[in-house]
Protein backbone atom coordinates (compact mmCIF):
# COMPACT_ATOMS: atom_id res chain seq x y z
CA MET A 1 69.46 3.55 5.99
CA SER A 2 68.30 0.94 8.42
CA ASN A 3 65.44 3.17 9.61
CA LYS A 4 64.29 3.75 6.03
CA LYS A 5 64.34 0.00 5.36
CA LYS A 6 62.26 -0.65 8.47
CA GLN A 7 59.71 1.96 7.40
CA HIS A 8 59.58 0.45 3.93
CA ASN A 9 59.06 -3.05 5.37
CA ASN A 10 56.27 -1.80 7.64
CA ARG A 11 54.48 -0.25 4.65
CA ASP A 12 54.72 -3.53 2.76
CA LYS A 13 53.30 -5.42 5.73
CA LYS A 14 50.37 -3.02 6.01
CA LYS A 15 49.65 -3.32 2.29
CA LYS A 16 49.70 -7.13 2.51
CA GLU A 17 47.42 -7.09 5.54
CA SER A 18 44.93 -4.79 3.83
CA LYS A 19 44.95 -6.99 0.70
CA GLN A 20 44.42 -10.10 2.79
CA HIS A 21 41.55 -8.40 4.62
CA GLN A 22 39.92 -7.38 1.32
CA GLN A 23 40.32 -10.90 -0.06
CA ALA A 24 38.80 -12.39 3.10
CA VAL A 25 35.83 -10.04 2.91
CA SER A 26 35.32 -10.74 -0.80
CA GLU A 27 35.53 -14.49 -0.21
CA GLN A 28 33.06 -14.19 2.61
CA GLY A 29 30.59 -12.26 0.50
CA GLY A 30 31.48 -13.40 -3.00
CA ASN A 31 28.97 -12.05 -5.51
CA LYS A 32 26.73 -11.06 -2.62
CA ARG A 33 28.67 -7.79 -2.35
CA GLU A 34 27.34 -6.66 -5.73
CA LEU A 35 24.15 -4.62 -5.94
CA GLU A 36 21.13 -6.80 -6.65
CA PRO A 37 17.53 -5.76 -7.36
CA TRP A 38 15.00 -6.47 -4.60
CA LYS A 39 11.25 -6.03 -4.47
CA VAL A 40 10.55 -4.29 -1.16
CA THR A 41 7.20 -4.57 0.63
CA ILE A 42 6.63 -2.38 3.70
CA GLN A 43 3.66 -3.35 5.89
CA CYS A 44 2.52 -0.90 8.57
CA LEU A 45 2.12 -2.77 11.85
CA GLN A 46 1.32 0.50 13.63
CA PRO A 47 0.08 3.92 12.44
CA LEU A 48 2.76 5.71 10.44
CA ALA A 49 3.59 9.41 10.89
CA ILE A 50 6.02 10.61 8.20
CA SER A 51 5.93 14.39 8.31
CA GLY A 52 7.24 17.16 6.14
CA GLN A 53 7.83 20.71 7.27
CA PRO A 54 5.26 22.06 9.79
CA ASN A 55 3.20 25.15 9.07
CA GLY A 56 2.53 28.09 11.35
CA ASP A 57 -0.38 26.39 13.11
CA ASN A 58 1.75 23.66 14.72
CA HIS A 59 0.33 21.08 12.34
CA TRP A 60 2.42 18.31 10.80
CA ASP A 61 1.26 17.12 7.40
CA ALA A 62 1.62 13.42 6.61
CA LEU A 63 3.31 12.21 3.43
CA THR A 64 1.36 9.59 1.50
CA TYR A 65 4.53 7.68 0.61
CA ILE A 66 7.72 6.57 2.38
CA PRO A 67 10.83 8.41 1.09
CA GLY A 68 13.87 6.27 0.36
CA SER A 69 15.99 8.15 2.89
CA THR A 70 13.36 7.53 5.59
CA TRP A 71 13.21 3.74 5.43
CA ARG A 72 16.97 3.64 4.80
CA GLY A 73 17.42 5.40 8.16
CA ALA A 74 15.13 2.85 9.82
CA ILE A 75 17.33 0.00 8.60
CA ALA A 76 20.45 1.95 9.58
CA GLU A 77 19.23 1.89 13.18
CA GLN A 78 18.93 -1.90 13.03
CA TRP A 79 22.39 -2.08 11.42
CA LYS A 80 23.86 -0.01 14.26
CA TYR A 81 22.87 -2.55 16.92
CA ARG A 82 23.19 -5.79 14.94
CA VAL A 83 26.28 -5.16 12.80
CA GLY A 84 27.87 -1.84 13.76
CA PHE A 85 28.84 1.14 11.63
CA GLU A 86 32.53 0.18 11.86
CA HIS A 87 31.92 -2.81 9.56
CA PRO A 88 33.67 -2.45 6.16
CA LEU A 89 30.42 -3.13 4.30
CA THR A 90 28.60 -0.15 5.85
CA GLN A 91 29.57 2.42 3.23
CA SER A 92 28.77 0.24 0.21
CA PHE A 93 25.47 -0.87 1.74
CA PHE A 94 24.09 2.56 2.66
CA GLN A 95 25.93 4.99 0.37
CA LYS A 96 26.16 2.94 -2.84
CA GLY A 97 22.87 1.08 -2.44
CA ILE A 98 19.78 2.56 -4.10
CA TRP A 99 16.80 3.12 -1.77
CA ARG A 100 13.78 4.24 -3.77
CA ASP A 101 10.56 5.84 -2.55
CA ALA A 102 7.86 3.35 -1.55
CA HIS A 103 4.30 4.03 -2.72
CA VAL A 104 1.05 2.60 -1.44
CA VAL A 105 -0.60 -0.54 -2.78
CA THR A 106 -4.30 0.17 -3.17
CA GLU A 107 -7.07 -2.37 -2.83
CA ARG A 108 -8.63 -0.91 -5.95
CA ASN A 109 -6.12 -2.62 -8.24
CA ASN A 110 -3.96 -4.57 -5.77
CA SER A 111 -0.91 -2.91 -7.24
CA SER A 112 1.32 0.05 -6.55
CA GLU A 113 0.86 1.21 -10.18
CA THR A 114 -1.14 4.36 -9.47
CA PHE A 115 1.23 6.47 -11.58
CA THR A 116 0.28 8.69 -14.51
CA SER A 117 2.78 10.79 -16.45
CA LEU A 118 1.94 14.45 -16.99
CA ASP A 119 1.76 14.06 -20.76
CA VAL A 120 -1.61 12.37 -20.20
CA TYR A 121 -4.70 14.52 -20.60
CA ARG A 122 -8.15 13.64 -19.29
CA CYS A 123 -11.56 14.36 -20.76
CA LYS A 124 -13.66 16.54 -18.49
CA GLN A 125 -16.91 14.85 -19.51
CA CYS A 126 -16.32 11.11 -19.93
CA GLY A 127 -13.07 10.76 -17.95
CA GLU A 128 -11.09 9.06 -20.73
CA LYS A 129 -7.32 9.61 -20.66
CA LYS A 130 -5.04 10.14 -23.64
CA SER A 131 -1.30 10.70 -24.02
CA ILE A 132 -0.48 13.68 -26.25
CA ILE A 133 3.13 12.77 -27.05
CA LYS A 134 2.20 12.40 -30.72
CA GLU A 135 0.71 15.89 -30.76
CA PHE A 136 3.85 17.32 -29.18
CA VAL A 137 6.11 15.63 -31.74
CA GLN A 138 3.86 16.69 -34.61
CA PHE A 139 3.84 20.26 -33.32
CA HIS A 140 7.63 20.25 -32.99
CA GLU A 141 8.25 18.90 -36.50
CA SER A 142 5.63 20.49 -38.71
CA SER A 143 3.52 23.13 -36.96
CA THR A 144 4.24 26.84 -37.17
CA GLN A 145 1.81 27.84 -34.42
CA SER A 146 2.93 29.24 -31.08
CA ASP A 147 1.00 26.72 -29.01
CA LEU A 148 -0.75 23.38 -29.28
CA PRO A 149 -4.28 23.43 -30.71
CA ASN A 150 -7.25 22.66 -28.50
CA LEU A 151 -7.33 18.95 -27.77
CA ILE A 152 -10.58 17.00 -28.09
CA CYS A 153 -11.52 13.68 -26.52
CA PRO A 154 -10.88 10.75 -28.90
CA ASN A 155 -14.23 9.24 -27.92
CA THR A 156 -16.51 10.07 -30.87
CA SER A 157 -19.62 9.99 -28.68
CA CYS A 158 -18.14 12.57 -26.29
CA GLN A 159 -15.84 15.05 -28.11
CA GLY A 160 -15.23 16.93 -24.86
CA PRO A 161 -12.14 19.04 -24.06
CA LEU A 162 -8.98 17.40 -22.70
CA LEU A 163 -7.37 18.79 -19.55
CA ARG A 164 -3.94 18.02 -18.11
CA VAL A 165 -3.62 15.63 -15.16
CA ASP A 166 -1.96 17.69 -12.42
CA SER A 167 -0.88 14.88 -10.08
CA ALA A 168 1.28 11.92 -11.06
CA TYR A 169 0.31 9.59 -8.19
CA ASP A 170 -3.32 8.79 -7.37
CA GLU A 171 -2.72 7.17 -4.00
CA ASP A 172 -5.66 5.97 -1.95
CA VAL A 173 -4.16 6.39 1.53
CA VAL A 174 -6.30 6.58 4.66
CA VAL A 175 -4.99 9.44 6.79
CA ASP A 176 -6.15 10.20 10.33
CA GLU A 177 -5.25 12.93 12.79
CA ALA A 178 -3.96 13.00 16.37
CA VAL A 179 -2.88 15.62 18.91
CA GLY A 180 0.46 15.49 20.72
CA ILE A 181 2.37 17.46 23.34
CA GLU A 182 5.36 19.47 22.18
CA ILE A 183 8.69 18.36 23.67
CA ASN A 184 11.63 20.67 24.32
CA VAL A 185 14.70 19.03 22.78
CA GLU A 186 17.17 20.81 25.06
CA ARG A 187 15.44 19.95 28.34
CA GLU A 188 14.01 16.64 27.04
CA ALA A 189 10.74 17.48 28.76
CA THR A 190 7.25 18.47 27.70
CA GLU A 191 6.40 22.09 27.04
CA PRO A 192 3.43 23.16 29.22
CA GLU A 193 0.27 24.14 27.33
CA LYS A 194 1.87 23.53 23.93
CA PHE A 195 0.22 21.06 21.59
CA TYR A 196 0.54 20.10 17.95
CA SER A 197 -1.67 18.12 15.59
CA LEU A 198 -0.24 15.30 13.52
CA ASN A 199 -1.56 13.43 10.49
CA PHE A 200 -0.67 9.75 10.21
CA ILE A 201 -1.23 6.85 7.82
CA ALA A 202 -3.51 4.09 9.04
CA GLU A 203 -2.31 0.78 10.40
CA GLY A 204 -2.35 -2.01 7.79
CA THR A 205 -1.30 0.13 4.81
CA ARG A 206 1.12 -1.62 2.45
CA PHE A 207 3.84 0.04 0.36
CA GLU A 208 6.03 -1.35 -2.43
CA THR A 209 9.20 -0.30 -4.23
CA ILE A 210 12.42 -1.61 -5.84
CA ALA A 211 15.84 -1.33 -4.16
CA TYR A 212 19.38 -2.24 -5.31
CA LEU A 213 21.37 -3.62 -2.36
CA PRO A 214 24.06 -6.27 -1.71
CA ALA A 215 22.64 -9.58 -0.47
CA ILE A 216 25.29 -10.04 2.21
CA GLY A 217 24.18 -6.82 3.89
CA LEU A 218 20.58 -8.01 4.06
CA GLU A 219 21.73 -11.32 5.53
CA MET A 220 23.58 -9.52 8.30
CA VAL A 221 20.81 -7.09 9.28
CA SER A 222 17.70 -9.24 8.72
CA ASP A 223 15.87 -11.19 11.41
CA LYS A 224 16.94 -14.74 12.22
CA ASP A 225 13.74 -16.37 11.01
CA ASN A 226 14.07 -15.30 7.36
CA THR A 227 13.08 -17.93 4.82
CA ALA A 228 13.25 -18.47 1.09
CA THR A 229 10.39 -19.30 -1.22
CA GLY A 230 10.89 -22.54 -3.11
CA SER A 231 13.43 -25.26 -2.49
CA PRO A 232 17.05 -24.07 -2.08
CA THR A 233 18.27 -26.27 -4.91
CA SER A 234 15.67 -25.24 -7.47
CA LYS A 235 16.43 -22.56 -10.03
CA ASP A 236 13.13 -20.79 -9.33
CA SER A 237 13.84 -20.30 -5.63
CA GLN A 238 13.77 -16.68 -4.46
CA LYS A 239 15.57 -15.21 -1.49
CA GLU A 240 13.55 -13.33 1.10
CA TYR A 241 14.68 -11.30 4.08
CA TYR A 242 12.52 -9.87 6.86
CA ILE A 243 13.30 -6.81 8.97
CA VAL A 244 11.11 -5.22 11.63
CA ALA A 245 11.99 -1.53 12.01
CA TYR A 246 10.52 1.80 13.11
CA VAL A 247 9.82 4.62 10.64
CA GLY A 248 8.75 8.23 11.12
CA ARG A 249 7.81 10.24 14.20
CA ARG A 250 6.35 9.43 17.64
CA ARG A 251 7.90 5.97 17.70
CA SER A 252 7.86 5.95 21.50
CA ALA A 253 4.10 6.57 21.50
CA GLY A 254 2.97 3.54 19.50
CA TYR A 255 3.70 4.77 15.97
CA GLY A 256 6.00 3.72 13.15
CA LYS A 257 6.47 -0.06 13.51
CA VAL A 258 6.76 -1.67 10.07
CA GLU A 259 7.72 -5.03 8.60
CA ILE A 260 10.05 -4.76 5.60
CA VAL A 261 10.26 -7.78 3.26
CA PHE A 262 12.99 -8.02 0.60
CA THR A 263 12.24 -10.44 -2.26
CA GLN A 264 14.83 -11.09 -4.96
CA GLU A 265 13.84 -9.86 -8.42
CA LYS A 266 15.50 -12.32 -10.80
CA GLN A 267 14.02 -10.66 -13.88
CA LEU A 268 16.13 -7.54 -13.24
CA LEU A 269 19.37 -9.49 -12.70
CA THR A 270 19.96 -10.11 -16.42
CA ASP A 271 21.11 -7.60 -19.01
CA ASN A 272 18.00 -5.71 -20.14
CA SER A 273 19.61 -3.68 -22.93
CA LYS A 274 17.90 -5.81 -25.59
CA ALA A 275 14.53 -5.38 -23.90
CA MET A 276 15.21 -1.64 -23.65
CA LYS A 277 15.98 -1.49 -27.37
CA MET A 278 12.70 -3.24 -28.17
CA LYS A 279 10.88 -0.84 -25.84
CA ILE A 280 12.36 2.22 -27.58
CA GLU A 281 11.54 0.80 -31.01
CA ALA A 282 7.94 0.13 -29.95
CA PHE A 283 7.72 3.71 -28.67
CA ASN A 284 8.91 5.05 -32.03
CA ARG A 285 6.54 2.78 -33.96
CA ALA A 286 3.68 4.25 -31.95
CA LEU A 287 4.78 7.72 -33.06
CA GLN A 288 4.53 6.69 -36.73
CA ASP A 289 0.75 6.92 -36.58
CA SER A 290 1.11 10.67 -37.09
CA PRO A 291 -0.02 12.44 -40.29
CA LYS A 292 1.71 11.68 -43.58
CA ASP A 293 3.59 14.98 -43.76
CA HIS A 294 5.31 14.16 -40.45
CA LYS A 295 8.58 12.64 -41.70
CA GLY A 296 10.84 12.97 -38.68
CA VAL A 297 9.87 9.72 -37.01
CA ARG A 298 9.83 7.64 -40.16
CA GLY A 299 13.56 7.92 -40.72
CA CYS A 300 15.36 4.69 -39.82
CA ASP A 301 18.31 6.68 -38.43
CA THR A 302 16.16 8.72 -36.00
CA TRP A 303 15.03 7.77 -32.51
CA TYR A 304 12.74 9.52 -30.05
CA VAL A 305 13.35 8.68 -26.39
CA SER A 306 11.12 9.86 -23.54
CA ILE A 307 12.26 10.03 -19.91
CA VAL A 308 9.50 10.22 -17.28
CA ASN A 309 10.17 10.98 -13.60
CA ARG A 310 8.94 8.26 -11.27
CA SER A 311 10.24 10.16 -8.22
CA PRO A 312 11.38 13.73 -7.47
CA MET A 313 14.53 14.65 -9.39
CA ILE A 314 17.32 17.03 -8.32
CA LEU A 315 19.29 18.51 -11.24
CA LEU A 316 22.22 20.91 -10.85
CA ASP A 317 24.23 22.92 -13.36
CA PRO A 318 28.09 23.03 -13.34
CA PHE A 319 27.91 25.80 -10.72
CA LEU A 320 25.73 23.62 -8.42
CA ARG A 321 22.64 25.73 -9.04
CA PRO A 322 19.28 23.92 -9.37
CA VAL A 323 17.80 23.69 -12.85
CA SER A 324 14.38 22.51 -14.03
CA GLU A 325 15.35 20.90 -17.36
CA MET A 326 17.60 17.97 -18.15
CA ASP A 327 20.85 18.45 -20.08
CA PRO A 328 22.01 15.12 -21.60
CA SER A 329 25.69 16.08 -21.76
CA LEU A 330 25.65 17.12 -18.11
CA HIS A 331 23.19 14.81 -16.33
CA TRP A 332 23.61 11.50 -18.16
CA GLY A 333 27.19 11.05 -16.95
CA LYS A 334 28.74 10.39 -20.37
CA LYS A 335 29.91 12.35 -23.38
CA LEU A 336 27.52 11.56 -26.20
CA PRO A 337 28.88 11.02 -29.72
CA TRP A 338 25.39 11.46 -31.21
CA LYS A 339 23.36 14.51 -32.04
CA VAL A 340 20.71 14.90 -29.33
CA GLU A 341 17.90 17.44 -29.53
CA LYS A 342 15.53 18.23 -26.68
CA VAL A 343 12.02 18.19 -28.12
CA LEU A 344 9.98 18.54 -24.95
CA ALA A 345 10.45 19.39 -21.27
CA TRP A 346 7.05 19.26 -19.62
CA GLY A 347 6.13 19.04 -15.96
CA LEU A 348 6.10 20.70 -12.56
CA SER A 349 8.77 21.78 -10.09
CA GLY A 350 8.74 22.55 -6.39
CA ILE A 351 10.61 22.31 -3.09
CA ARG A 352 11.16 19.04 -1.21
CA HIS A 353 11.09 19.32 2.59
CA GLY A 354 11.65 16.69 5.24
CA TRP A 355 12.30 16.02 8.90
CA SER A 356 15.41 14.45 10.41
CA ASN A 357 14.69 12.25 13.43
CA ALA A 358 18.40 11.99 14.21
CA TRP A 359 18.90 15.76 14.49
CA HIS A 360 15.35 16.68 15.57
CA GLY A 361 15.05 19.32 12.90
CA PRO A 362 14.06 19.90 9.27
CA LYS A 363 16.17 18.47 6.47
CA THR A 364 17.82 20.64 3.86
CA ALA A 365 15.21 21.74 1.33
CA ASP A 366 15.97 20.92 -2.32
CA TRP A 367 14.53 22.25 -5.56
CA ILE A 368 13.06 19.26 -7.40
CA ILE A 369 11.29 18.32 -10.60
CA GLU A 370 8.01 16.68 -9.59
CA PRO A 371 7.11 13.05 -10.44
CA GLY A 372 5.33 12.63 -13.76
CA SER A 373 7.41 15.28 -15.54
CA ILE A 374 8.59 14.20 -18.98
CA HIS A 375 11.59 14.97 -21.21
CA LEU A 376 11.54 13.95 -24.87
CA PHE A 377 14.81 13.72 -26.82
CA LYS A 378 15.53 13.14 -30.50
CA PHE A 379 18.59 11.20 -31.70
CA GLU A 380 19.64 11.57 -35.33
CA GLY A 381 22.17 9.83 -37.56
CA LEU A 382 22.09 6.46 -35.80
CA ASP A 383 23.32 3.13 -37.05
CA LYS A 384 22.84 -0.32 -35.52
CA SER A 385 25.76 -0.09 -33.09
CA SER A 386 24.72 3.41 -31.99
CA LYS A 387 21.22 2.18 -31.18
CA GLU A 388 22.64 -0.64 -29.08
CA LYS A 389 24.81 1.82 -27.14
CA ILE A 390 21.85 4.13 -26.58
CA ALA A 391 19.74 1.22 -25.33
CA LEU A 392 22.55 0.25 -22.95
CA LEU A 393 22.79 3.84 -21.69
CA MET A 394 19.03 4.14 -21.20
CA ASP A 395 18.94 0.84 -19.31
CA ARG A 396 21.63 2.14 -16.96
CA LEU A 397 19.75 5.41 -16.40
CA GLU A 398 16.53 3.55 -15.64
CA ARG A 399 18.26 1.31 -13.09
CA LEU A 400 20.51 3.87 -11.38
CA GLY A 401 18.54 7.10 -11.80
CA ILE A 402 19.46 10.62 -12.94
CA GLY A 403 20.63 13.62 -10.94
CA GLU A 404 21.63 14.06 -7.31
CA ARG A 405 20.92 11.81 -4.30
CA THR A 406 19.82 8.89 -6.44
CA ASN A 407 20.74 6.47 -3.65
CA GLU A 408 17.98 8.07 -1.52
CA GLY A 409 15.26 7.53 -4.11
CA PHE A 410 15.60 10.75 -6.09
CA GLY A 411 15.87 10.69 -9.88
CA GLN A 412 14.09 7.39 -10.58
CA VAL A 413 12.95 7.42 -14.21
CA GLU A 414 11.04 5.33 -16.72
CA ILE A 415 12.29 5.22 -20.30
CA CYS A 416 9.78 5.35 -23.17
CA ARG A 417 6.59 4.84 -21.21
CA PRO A 418 4.11 3.19 -23.64
CA ILE A 419 1.94 5.58 -25.63
CA SER A 420 -1.69 4.60 -25.50
CA THR A 421 -5.18 5.88 -24.98
CA TYR A 422 -6.22 4.95 -21.49
CA GLN A 423 -9.79 3.72 -21.91
CA LEU A 424 -11.19 3.81 -18.40
CA LYS A 425 -13.69 1.36 -17.06
CA PRO A 426 -16.95 2.88 -15.80
CA GLY A 427 -15.79 2.36 -12.23
CA GLU A 428 -12.62 4.38 -12.83
CA GLN A 429 -14.18 7.43 -14.45
CA THR A 430 -14.01 10.66 -12.50
CA ALA A 431 -16.53 12.82 -14.34
CA ILE A 432 -20.27 12.54 -15.00
CA PRO A 433 -21.88 12.81 -18.48
CA GLN A 434 -24.63 15.38 -18.91
CA GLU A 435 -27.43 12.80 -19.04
CA GLU A 436 -26.42 11.38 -15.69
CA VAL A 437 -26.13 14.90 -14.29
CA ASN A 438 -29.76 15.57 -15.25
CA GLN A 439 -30.86 12.33 -13.60
CA LEU A 440 -28.93 13.26 -10.47
CA MET A 441 -30.57 16.68 -10.38
CA GLN A 442 -34.04 15.13 -10.59
CA LYS A 443 -33.26 12.64 -7.82
CA ALA A 444 -31.69 15.35 -5.67
CA GLN A 445 -34.72 17.60 -6.12
CA ALA A 446 -37.08 14.84 -5.00
CA PHE A 447 -34.79 14.01 -2.11
CA ALA A 448 -34.65 17.65 -1.02
CA LYS A 449 -38.47 17.76 -0.88
CA LEU A 450 -38.49 14.66 1.33
CA ALA A 451 -35.82 16.23 3.53
CA ASP A 452 -37.92 19.37 3.89
CA GLN A 453 -40.97 17.33 4.89
CA CYS A 454 -38.91 15.51 7.52
CA ARG A 455 -37.59 18.85 8.83
CA LEU A 456 -33.98 17.90 8.32
CA ARG A 457 -31.57 20.40 9.83
CA ARG A 458 -29.45 22.49 7.50
CA SER A 459 -26.39 21.88 9.70
CA GLN A 460 -26.74 18.15 9.14
CA LEU A 461 -26.63 18.64 5.38
CA TYR A 462 -23.48 20.74 5.60
CA GLY A 463 -21.98 18.27 8.04
CA LEU A 464 -22.60 15.58 5.47
CA HIS A 465 -21.11 17.74 2.72
CA ASN A 466 -17.93 18.51 4.66
CA LEU A 467 -16.98 14.87 5.13
CA ALA A 468 -14.23 13.50 2.92
CA THR A 469 -15.79 12.04 -0.22
CA LYS A 470 -14.41 8.53 0.10
CA GLN A 471 -15.17 8.37 3.81
CA LEU A 472 -18.67 9.56 2.99
CA LEU A 473 -19.31 6.78 0.50
CA ASP A 474 -17.93 4.10 2.81
CA GLU A 475 -20.02 5.49 5.63
CA ILE A 476 -23.26 5.51 3.66
CA ILE A 477 -22.79 2.08 2.11
CA GLY A 478 -21.31 0.54 5.24
CA GLU A 479 -19.54 -2.26 3.36
CA ASP A 480 -15.87 -1.37 2.82
CA ASP A 481 -13.52 -2.00 5.74
CA CYS A 482 -10.40 -0.87 3.88
CA PHE A 483 -7.57 -0.38 6.41
CA TYR A 484 -9.92 -0.30 9.43
CA LEU A 485 -11.82 2.68 8.02
CA GLN A 486 -15.21 1.51 9.25
CA LYS A 487 -13.93 0.93 12.79
CA ARG A 488 -12.67 4.49 13.03
CA LEU A 489 -15.84 5.89 11.52
CA ASN A 490 -17.84 4.12 14.21
CA LYS A 491 -15.72 5.82 16.88
CA LYS A 492 -15.45 9.29 15.37
CA GLY A 493 -17.91 11.96 16.43
CA LYS A 494 -17.67 14.02 13.24
CA ASN A 495 -19.73 11.67 11.06
CA ALA A 496 -22.88 13.73 11.62
CA TRP A 497 -24.98 12.01 8.97
CA LYS A 498 -24.54 8.59 10.52
CA GLN A 499 -25.11 9.62 14.12
CA GLN A 500 -27.76 12.31 13.77
CA VAL A 501 -29.86 10.96 10.91
CA ARG A 502 -29.51 7.30 10.11
CA MET A 503 -28.92 6.06 13.66
CA ILE A 504 -31.95 7.83 15.21
CA ASP A 505 -34.55 5.12 15.77
CA GLU A 506 -37.24 7.34 17.28
CA ASN A 507 -37.72 9.24 14.03
CA GLU A 508 -38.71 6.71 11.39
CA GLU A 509 -39.07 9.33 8.66
CA LYS A 510 -35.48 10.52 9.01
CA LYS A 511 -34.27 6.93 9.15
CA ALA A 512 -36.17 6.11 5.96
CA LEU A 513 -34.70 9.22 4.36
CA ALA A 514 -31.19 8.06 5.18
CA LEU A 515 -31.91 4.60 3.80
CA ILE A 516 -33.02 6.14 0.50
CA LEU A 517 -29.69 7.92 0.16
CA ARG A 518 -27.87 4.73 1.10
CA ASP A 519 -29.75 2.80 -1.60
CA TYR A 520 -28.79 5.43 -4.18
CA ALA A 521 -25.11 5.17 -3.29
CA LYS A 522 -25.18 1.39 -3.18
CA SER A 523 -26.79 1.13 -6.62
CA TRP A 524 -24.22 3.54 -8.08
CA LYS A 525 -21.37 1.50 -6.66
CA GLU A 526 -22.72 -1.79 -8.03
CA GLU A 527 -23.32 -0.33 -11.49
CA LEU A 528 -20.39 2.05 -11.93
CA GLY A 529 -17.72 1.15 -9.39
CA TYR A 530 -16.21 2.82 -6.37
CA ARG A 531 -14.64 5.93 -7.89
CA GLU A 532 -17.59 6.95 -10.06
CA ALA A 533 -20.01 6.31 -7.19
CA THR A 534 -17.88 8.55 -4.99
CA ARG A 535 -18.13 11.35 -7.54
CA GLN A 536 -21.88 10.91 -7.91
CA VAL A 537 -22.45 11.01 -4.15
CA GLN A 538 -20.49 14.26 -3.95
CA GLU A 539 -22.45 15.86 -6.80
CA PHE A 540 -25.69 14.51 -5.39
CA ILE A 541 -25.13 16.17 -2.02
CA ASN A 542 -24.28 19.47 -3.71
CA TYR A 543 -27.63 19.37 -5.51
CA ILE A 544 -29.46 18.42 -2.30
CA ILE A 545 -28.04 21.42 -0.44
CA GLY A 546 -28.85 23.73 -3.34
CA TYR A 547 -32.45 22.58 -3.71
CA TYR A 548 -32.94 22.54 0.06
CA SER A 549 -31.76 26.17 0.25
CA VAL A 550 -34.26 27.16 -2.46
CA LEU A 551 -37.13 25.40 -0.70
CA LYS A 552 -36.28 27.03 2.61
CA ALA A 553 -35.99 30.48 1.02
CA ASN A 554 -39.40 30.08 -0.69
CA LYS A 555 -41.02 29.11 2.60
CA GLU A 556 -39.53 32.09 4.40
CA GLU A 557 -40.90 34.40 1.72
């Protein structure tokens, strides 16, 4: 009996010690152990090489964003040396924290909002964008056809056909290429006569995202010189933490150094269920502009809720098989007492690859639903309390995500993205009206005659045509230095137009010819903006090559 009593006393002592340890840790952290929203800014101090799976030509393609698991691993390396993985906060910081994908901040709009959901269609002629959620709902409720009717541009002066936008993110990332020597992992030595090419993001690129992490963990892993904006006693003061880490491949060769800044987002700290309810109601009011015979939305006990993917989403069925459509009863994490009907599941799916720096091999590939995909659900028979519960549920899904591996950035969603017609500014349009096309053809024809008189080489025209469109415009205008683009263009040997035509001083005719093209591009940029000027330069060069080929063929005959 004495031995049993001793064992019992030892168990009690261990329980007391564990409780005391938990209390000490909680007192040390306090509320800082809870997940808090942080605005994350990642500044590239060196070129960044984040690669997916290589192809058969020993070429590594560069991602144009930073996956959540990638920059989480970079901070985990700093945690290993500064804090240690044996710390009790390690699991809650890395496994329970939410690390979302970081997307580029463009100089075009000084914002990371380059996202377009796939329910948006774009006019082929004028470039205007329009969401067709109303048409989908109308088709679901009242139409007996097998497919949607042909959609026409809402611009009365255009009336062109609408086409689906195939890519959710329009990221303006400058990507360059380098060549490296393949390294044998087993021997830790270079492989003779084996090379690979690698794409990388330019130095100076800035990314942004939102993360949910405990503040005490950031205090422990951040650099010593972190500061806070505003006075510490003021209510408007915001906490900031700075971490310098290394992301991606070739970190020992001058790649991957980034500065990560965490800024507290106080707007997301409060309960946003009321704001979510107002957002859903505004979404349903926008749907009421449908025809009179469309009665489904007008009912006060009916709600439509749209869920748009902001990041790749991994959905599994009860047998752990990947699926491409969302099931509310399975993927929302709660049993729903309301009647929910899936009206729309629209988007793209694919395979997500990756590379593990820790294991020097590819990550496990997952079947995903691509960003921009949209699910539309219909709730019926709702009262006031039911709407409040739905708003609370939707707010939780928007904060925490849906599906698998949400802590790594997968499954980030946006609830009830506003329905509107996206009227583009002239500088943001991506297509050319027919009148401008005719003007371009006339200018290109005159330019081709000048080029023929100056005996311009055909290879130079094709060299000009093969350049990337945005690099081409920056090269011709010579004004934009976005992310050191002009410096690299000055050093690169592939910019044939600049080196072989414009920079030749001994041939004044060719130099004058290049200046004419530069004046065209500069005037287009000043009048229409960067994107439209880029499109016009591309079309202009196509016409030049076509007319030049005709002139040359006529002379040979």
